[in-house]
Structure formats: structure tokens, C-alpha cells
Protein backbone atom coordinates (compact mmCIF):
# COMPACT_ATOMS: atom_id res chain seq x y z
CA MET A 1 -0.16 0.01 0.04
CA LYS A 2 1.11 3.64 -0.63
CA PHE A 3 -0.71 6.37 0.98
CA SER A 4 -0.25 10.04 2.40
CA VAL A 5 -1.63 10.78 6.00
CA TYR A 6 -2.01 14.00 7.65
CA GLN A 7 -3.41 14.71 11.24
CA ILE A 8 -3.88 17.71 13.41
CA SER A 9 -5.68 18.30 16.44
CA ARG A 10 -6.30 22.02 18.18
CA GLN A 11 -7.98 22.69 21.44
CA GLY A 12 -9.89 25.66 20.16
CA GLY A 13 -11.80 27.68 22.82
CA ARG A 14 -12.49 24.74 25.20
CA GLU A 15 -10.60 24.02 28.46
CA ARG A 16 -9.32 21.00 27.17
CA ASN A 17 -8.89 18.95 23.74
CA GLU A 18 -11.03 15.74 24.38
CA ASP A 19 -10.58 14.73 20.69
CA ARG A 20 -8.37 11.80 19.75
CA MET A 21 -7.09 10.26 16.40
CA GLY A 22 -4.44 8.07 15.04
CA TYR A 23 -3.99 5.27 12.57
CA ALA A 24 -2.24 2.07 12.50
CA TYR A 25 -1.00 -0.36 9.58
CA THR A 26 0.50 -3.70 8.67
CA ARG A 27 1.94 -4.38 5.31
CA GLU A 28 -1.35 -4.88 3.80
CA SER A 29 -4.00 -3.33 6.12
CA GLY A 30 -4.65 0.30 7.50
CA LEU A 31 -6.70 1.44 10.35
CA PHE A 32 -7.72 5.13 10.60
CA VAL A 33 -9.83 6.27 13.87
CA LEU A 34 -11.03 9.41 15.46
CA ALA A 35 -13.20 9.85 18.53
CA ASP A 36 -14.61 12.93 20.10
CA GLY A 37 -14.94 12.62 23.84
CA MET A 38 -18.52 14.24 24.77
CA GLY A 39 -18.96 17.33 27.02
CA GLY A 40 -21.40 17.31 29.81
CA HIS A 41 -20.15 13.86 31.00
CA PRO A 42 -17.12 13.05 32.89
CA GLU A 43 -13.73 12.11 31.21
CA GLY A 44 -14.63 12.58 27.78
CA ALA A 45 -10.95 12.63 26.82
CA MET A 46 -10.45 8.98 28.37
CA ALA A 47 -13.63 7.78 26.83
CA ALA A 48 -12.02 8.83 23.39
CA GLN A 49 -8.41 7.39 24.39
CA LEU A 50 -10.01 4.20 25.50
CA ALA A 51 -11.97 3.94 22.18
CA LEU A 52 -8.81 4.43 20.16
CA GLN A 53 -6.62 2.10 22.33
CA THR A 54 -9.29 -0.64 22.05
CA LEU A 55 -9.64 -0.45 18.34
CA SER A 56 -5.68 -0.44 17.86
CA ALA A 57 -5.20 -3.55 20.10
CA TYR A 58 -8.18 -5.30 17.98
CA PHE A 59 -6.46 -4.16 14.96
CA GLN A 60 -2.97 -5.68 15.95
CA LYS A 61 -4.63 -8.87 16.78
CA ALA A 62 -6.64 -9.41 13.68
CA ALA A 63 -4.66 -8.10 10.91
CA ASN A 64 -2.12 -10.87 9.96
CA PRO A 65 -1.33 -9.07 7.63
CA THR A 66 -4.99 -8.38 6.56
CA VAL A 67 -8.47 -8.42 8.32
CA ARG A 68 -10.25 -11.54 7.44
CA GLU A 69 -13.83 -10.05 7.74
CA VAL A 70 -13.63 -6.27 8.10
CA PRO A 71 -17.41 -5.41 8.80
CA GLU A 72 -17.15 -8.02 11.59
CA PHE A 73 -14.13 -6.72 12.78
CA LEU A 74 -15.35 -3.10 13.07
CA SER A 75 -18.49 -3.70 14.66
CA SER A 76 -16.76 -6.08 17.26
CA ALA A 77 -14.28 -3.53 17.76
CA LEU A 78 -16.65 -0.80 18.17
CA MET A 79 -18.92 -2.82 20.69
CA ALA A 80 -15.43 -3.82 22.68
CA ALA A 81 -14.51 0.18 22.91
CA HIS A 82 -17.88 0.63 24.44
CA HIS A 83 -17.52 -2.19 26.90
CA GLN A 84 -14.20 -0.86 27.99
CA ILE A 85 -15.75 2.53 28.63
CA ILE A 86 -18.61 1.00 30.62
CA ARG A 87 -15.97 -1.05 32.50
CA TYR A 88 -13.70 1.84 33.55
CA ALA A 89 -16.86 3.74 34.77
CA ALA A 90 -17.84 0.97 36.83
CA GLU A 91 -14.43 0.28 38.22
CA LYS A 92 -13.92 3.70 39.24
CA GLY A 93 -17.47 3.79 40.79
CA MET A 94 -18.66 6.72 38.43
CA LEU A 95 -22.24 8.11 38.87
CA ASP A 96 -22.21 8.87 35.19
CA THR A 97 -20.26 7.12 32.38
CA PRO A 98 -17.59 8.98 30.13
CA ARG A 99 -19.02 9.04 26.30
CA THR A 100 -17.50 9.57 22.93
CA THR A 101 -18.46 9.57 19.31
CA LEU A 102 -16.56 7.40 16.98
CA VAL A 103 -15.50 7.03 13.25
CA ALA A 104 -13.18 4.55 12.19
CA ALA A 105 -12.01 2.96 8.63
CA VAL A 106 -9.88 0.11 7.39
CA MET A 107 -8.47 -0.12 3.93
CA GLU A 108 -7.04 -2.93 2.50
CA ARG A 109 -7.21 -5.10 -0.97
CA GLY A 110 -7.69 -1.77 -2.45
CA HIS A 111 -10.94 -1.24 -0.74
CA ILE A 112 -12.11 0.78 2.33
CA HIS A 113 -14.72 0.12 4.83
CA TRP A 114 -15.91 2.24 7.72
CA VAL A 115 -18.02 2.39 10.92
CA HIS A 116 -19.46 5.45 12.67
CA CYS A 117 -21.21 6.21 15.90
CA GLY A 118 -22.38 9.74 16.67
CA ASP A 119 -21.39 12.78 14.64
CA SER A 120 -17.81 12.54 13.83
CA ARG A 121 -17.74 12.29 10.14
CA LEU A 122 -15.84 10.63 7.21
CA TYR A 123 -15.76 12.12 3.72
CA ILE A 124 -14.57 10.55 0.50
CA VAL A 125 -13.64 12.99 -2.13
CA ARG A 126 -12.72 11.60 -5.72
CA ASP A 127 -11.86 13.75 -8.79
CA GLY A 128 -13.12 17.10 -7.07
CA GLU A 129 -16.47 15.64 -5.99
CA LEU A 130 -17.83 14.28 -2.96
CA LEU A 131 -18.39 10.53 -3.15
CA THR A 132 -19.95 10.27 0.03
CA ARG A 133 -19.91 11.10 3.69
CA THR A 134 -21.37 9.56 6.99
CA ARG A 135 -24.92 10.67 8.19
CA ASP A 136 -24.74 11.88 11.79
CA HIS A 137 -26.59 10.17 14.49
CA SER A 138 -28.25 13.44 15.58
CA TYR A 139 -31.76 14.34 15.82
CA MET A 140 -31.12 17.25 13.46
CA GLU A 141 -29.73 15.13 10.75
CA GLN A 142 -32.42 12.40 11.18
CA GLN A 143 -35.43 14.94 10.81
CA GLN A 144 -33.47 16.73 7.86
CA HIS A 145 -33.22 13.00 6.09
CA LEU A 146 -37.00 12.86 6.65
CA GLY A 147 -37.44 16.19 5.04
CA ARG A 148 -38.53 18.05 8.17
CA ALA A 149 -37.97 21.39 9.76
CA THR A 150 -34.95 21.78 11.83
CA GLU A 151 -34.60 25.21 12.80
CA HIS A 152 -35.93 24.38 16.39
CA ILE A 153 -33.43 21.58 16.88
CA ASN A 154 -29.58 21.60 18.57
CA ARG A 155 -27.36 20.03 16.09
CA ASN A 156 -25.26 18.85 19.23
CA ILE A 157 -28.00 16.49 20.31
CA LEU A 158 -27.12 12.86 19.48
CA PHE A 159 -29.20 9.81 20.04
CA THR A 160 -26.29 7.37 20.53
CA CYS A 161 -22.65 7.45 21.20
CA LEU A 162 -20.05 5.09 22.97
CA GLY A 163 -20.33 4.68 26.69
CA SER A 164 -23.88 5.64 27.48
CA PRO A 165 -26.10 2.92 29.26
CA ALA A 166 -28.01 2.20 26.09
CA LYS A 167 -26.29 -0.17 23.40
CA PRO A 168 -24.65 2.04 20.41
CA VAL A 169 -26.41 2.52 17.42
CA TYR A 170 -23.87 2.56 14.60
CA ASP A 171 -23.72 2.19 10.70
CA LEU A 172 -21.32 0.20 8.84
CA SER A 173 -20.59 1.24 5.32
CA GLY A 174 -18.45 0.17 2.27
CA PRO A 175 -16.78 -1.64 0.76
CA VAL A 176 -15.77 1.26 -1.67
CA GLN A 177 -12.98 0.60 -4.24
CA LEU A 178 -10.35 3.15 -3.88
CA MET A 179 -8.83 4.77 -6.93
CA GLN A 180 -5.44 6.74 -7.13
CA GLY A 181 -5.92 10.04 -5.67
CA ASP A 182 -8.93 9.35 -3.63
CA ARG A 183 -9.17 11.42 -0.39
CA VAL A 184 -10.60 10.29 2.76
CA LEU A 185 -11.16 12.72 5.86
CA LEU A 186 -12.18 11.84 9.13
CA CYS A 187 -13.25 15.05 11.41
CA SER A 188 -14.91 15.83 14.75
CA ASP A 189 -17.91 18.28 14.64
CA GLY A 190 -15.55 20.98 15.33
CA LEU A 191 -14.76 21.10 11.56
CA TRP A 192 -17.80 20.49 9.80
CA GLY A 193 -19.75 22.61 12.43
CA THR A 194 -18.32 25.75 10.92
CA VAL A 195 -16.95 24.49 7.57
CA GLU A 196 -19.68 23.62 4.95
CA ASP A 197 -19.21 20.25 2.92
CA ASP A 198 -18.65 21.77 -0.18
CA GLU A 199 -15.98 23.86 1.25
CA ILE A 200 -14.40 20.78 2.74
CA VAL A 201 -14.51 19.04 -0.57
CA LYS A 202 -13.15 22.03 -2.56
CA GLU A 203 -10.12 22.48 -0.31
CA LEU A 204 -9.55 18.70 -0.15
CA ALA A 205 -9.62 18.75 -4.11
CA ALA A 206 -7.30 21.85 -4.60
CA HIS A 207 -4.60 21.43 -2.56
CA PRO A 208 -2.06 18.70 -1.10
CA LEU A 209 -3.10 17.45 2.27
CA GLU A 210 -0.08 19.20 4.04
CA GLN A 211 -1.69 22.42 2.83
CA ALA A 212 -5.54 21.60 2.77
CA ILE A 213 -5.88 20.25 6.13
CA PRO A 214 -4.20 22.99 8.14
CA GLU A 215 -6.14 25.63 6.10
CA LEU A 216 -9.67 23.77 6.99
CA VAL A 217 -8.74 23.65 10.60
CA GLU A 218 -7.75 27.42 10.79
CA THR A 219 -10.83 28.35 9.13
CA ALA A 220 -12.76 26.38 11.62
CA LEU A 221 -11.18 27.86 14.43
CA ARG A 222 -11.52 31.34 12.89
CA ARG A 223 -15.32 30.92 12.31
CA GLY A 224 -15.90 29.41 15.63
CA GLY A 225 -14.34 32.34 17.53
CA ALA A 226 -13.50 32.64 21.19
CA ARG A 227 -15.83 29.45 22.24
CA CYS A 228 -14.65 27.30 19.10
CA ASP A 229 -14.92 23.69 19.56
CA ASN A 230 -11.90 21.24 19.31
CA VAL A 231 -11.05 20.76 15.69
CA THR A 232 -9.61 17.32 14.88
CA VAL A 233 -8.87 16.15 11.37
CA LEU A 234 -7.26 12.78 10.05
CA ALA A 235 -6.94 12.56 6.31
CA MET A 236 -5.50 10.12 3.84
CA GLU A 237 -4.72 10.20 0.06
CA TRP A 238 -4.68 6.68 -1.68
CA GLU A 239 -1.99 5.74 -3.75
CA THR A 240 0.14 8.87 -3.41
CA ALA A 241 2.25 9.12 -6.47
CA ASP A 242 4.78 11.72 -5.19
CA GLU A 243 7.32 9.51 -3.43
CA TYR A 244 8.98 12.63 -2.01
CA GLN A 245 5.86 13.92 -0.18
CA SER A 246 6.74 14.09 3.40
CA THR A 247 3.54 12.45 4.59
CA ARG A 248 3.72 9.54 2.24
CA VAL A 249 3.49 6.18 3.69
CA SER A 250 4.75 2.79 1.83
CA THR A 251 4.36 -0.37 3.35
CA ASP A 252 6.01 -2.34 0.53
CA ASP A 253 9.03 -2.89 2.49
CA ILE A 254 7.29 -4.13 5.71
CA GLU A 255 7.62 -7.62 6.74
CA ASP A 256 4.55 -9.99 7.57
CA GLY A 257 3.80 -9.27 11.23
CA VAL A 258 5.13 -6.03 11.67
CA PHE A 259 2.59 -3.48 12.96
CA ALA A 260 2.94 0.17 13.19
CA SER A 261 0.64 2.66 15.03
CA THR A 262 0.43 6.36 16.16
CA ILE A 263 -2.07 5.31 18.72
CA GLN A 264 -0.91 4.90 22.41
CA SER A 265 -0.98 1.43 23.77
CA GLY A 266 -2.43 0.78 27.03
CA VAL A 267 -5.45 -1.41 26.81
CA PRO A 268 -5.00 -4.20 29.53
CA ASP A 269 -6.51 -6.83 27.91
CA PRO A 270 -7.12 -6.62 24.05
CA THR A 271 -9.78 -9.54 24.12
CA ILE A 272 -11.92 -7.46 26.58
CA GLU A 273 -13.92 -10.70 27.48
CA ASP A 274 -14.83 -11.39 23.98
CA LEU A 275 -17.51 -8.82 23.91
CA ASP A 276 -19.55 -10.48 26.49
CA ASP A 277 -22.93 -8.75 26.44
CA ALA A 278 -23.91 -9.93 29.78
CA ALA A 279 -20.73 -8.39 31.57
CA ILE A 280 -21.72 -5.26 29.56
CA GLU A 281 -25.18 -5.33 30.98
CA ARG A 282 -24.08 -5.89 34.50
CA SER A 283 -21.61 -2.94 34.62
CA ILE A 284 -24.27 -0.54 33.34
CA ALA A 285 -26.97 -1.77 35.85
CA GLU A 286 -24.25 -1.23 38.55
CA ILE A 287 -23.82 2.43 37.46
CA ASN A 288 -27.43 2.77 37.02
CA ALA A 289 -27.85 1.51 40.62
CA ALA A 290 -25.35 4.00 42.10
CA ILE A 291 -27.06 6.82 40.36
CA GLN A 292 -30.36 5.94 41.60
CA ARG A 293 -29.05 5.54 45.28
CA THR A 294 -27.30 8.95 44.98
CA ALA A 295 -30.77 10.46 43.79
CA ALA A 296 -32.51 8.94 46.57
CA ALA A 297 -30.10 10.08 49.14
CA ARG A 298 -30.49 13.76 47.96
CA ASN A 299 -34.21 13.41 48.13
CA SER A 300 -34.46 12.02 51.56
């Protein structure tokens, strides 16, 4: 595989940056992941970090050097990330769970598959045109899709995420066959919240990633003003022709069994109990019981 990759994350006007992104690859497979820890809940950055670490651990285990069944891998890894967040909250005795959005893509055999939960997005741009993008799991986008008015709806209200007591809703997409020059962009809502889709596509099509991505991020920060959200972008160009481009990655010389990653390790158990739904439900029940006990104590 040959691809260029560029990633950047800016804090904006928030107290902390709760976005996380990274990528990993073997000789014949690549994983790209971005998570946006959700405000209004504790430790959003931890939720995002756990999500990335879990997907990286699963990818390292599954990519030998390719992933046998990519859709199954993506759905299993996403649920494992959800489980890790729930388990973390239970072990810490937290009265509310950390939560995060997630978008992740696997490219191999000249194709790309992706999964997303929440409103972090994936765009694919080909020949200067938007080929596809994810549809947010938000009430606003849901109503837009149904052709209904959305002026009264807050775009930030999601109906699913990782780490919530409810089982995550997620969408699997692909495969899409990649063509030379295709550009794939993963981003948090800090980008698309102030930069329109057509602007993102136009900038991606007009300039190299090293120029386009910083420019998009600066535009988002400028428009977001003093209270701008975190802005995080991870972008890839497939089959990059310019071998001197500084962001270019070639896996041709990587041996089987070699795994490279920009994602910090740290998941204690990559198997994560093999997605034991009963264990997830027990953890959720423990957290909900703790919340109810605290509420009852306050009302007594």
C-alpha cells in the first residue's frame, strides 16, 4: 500500500482537548480512527482514548497482515470500545459514564470499509467531487433526512454514542473500491460545524493534504471564535504518486507480522472478555443503581 496521511488536532476555545485520532497499519491493511469525547459527561478525553486504544489492540490482533472479515471486525471492535468505557466507569465507581463519538475506517485489498457512531464524520472525495459522507446520529440530521424542519433542533444533540447506558447504534458502510488520488477525511464536529461540506471538498481537491488540512482547521477555528470547539482532522490520500511527499507512507518493505501505530497502547486486555454482553449489562446496571442511590439520598 502507498498512501499519504496528515493529522492535526487543535483545542480551540475549550478548557481541554477531548478529541483523539490516530492510525495503524500492517503491510497490507490500514486502520484510521477518530473519537470526540463528549462534553456534559465526565472524562470525555478518557472515553475517546479508550476507544482508540481498543480499536488499535483489536486491529493488531486481527490484521495478519489483513483483516479476514472487515465489517465484523469493525462492529466487534466498536462494541469492545463501548465495553471498555462502561467497565472503566464501573471500576471507578462513577455516577455517570464517559462518552464519545467514533468514526473508524479500514483500508485493504484496494477497498475501504468504515463504521461510525455519533457525529464524527468520514468524507470520501474523488476527482474533486464528494463521493460519500457519513450521516450523523443526531436528531437534526435524522429530521433533515425525513424532510422535516430543523430550525428548532440543537445540532449537538445525539441519539447514540459509545459509553452511554443504551447499546450503541452504529452504521457500517462499504466496501468502496479506492482509486488513485482518492482522499478520505475523518473529522470531529469542530470542523464541519463551521465549514460547509462543499468547502471541505473544494479545499481537499485543490491542494495537497499538508496544505489543505491546516487551512481547513484554521478556517474552523477562525469562524468558531473564542468558544470554538476542538477541531481534529485525520486525512488520507490513496496511492500517492509523489514519493517525495513528506506525509507519504509505503508499506511495501514491511514484513509480515510487523505492526505500526500512532495510537498509544495501554488497553490491559485486548480480548476485552470477547464482547460479553452480559458483562456489559452488569456494568451498566451497577452504574444505574449507583445513580439511583445517590438521587434517593439527595431527596431524603
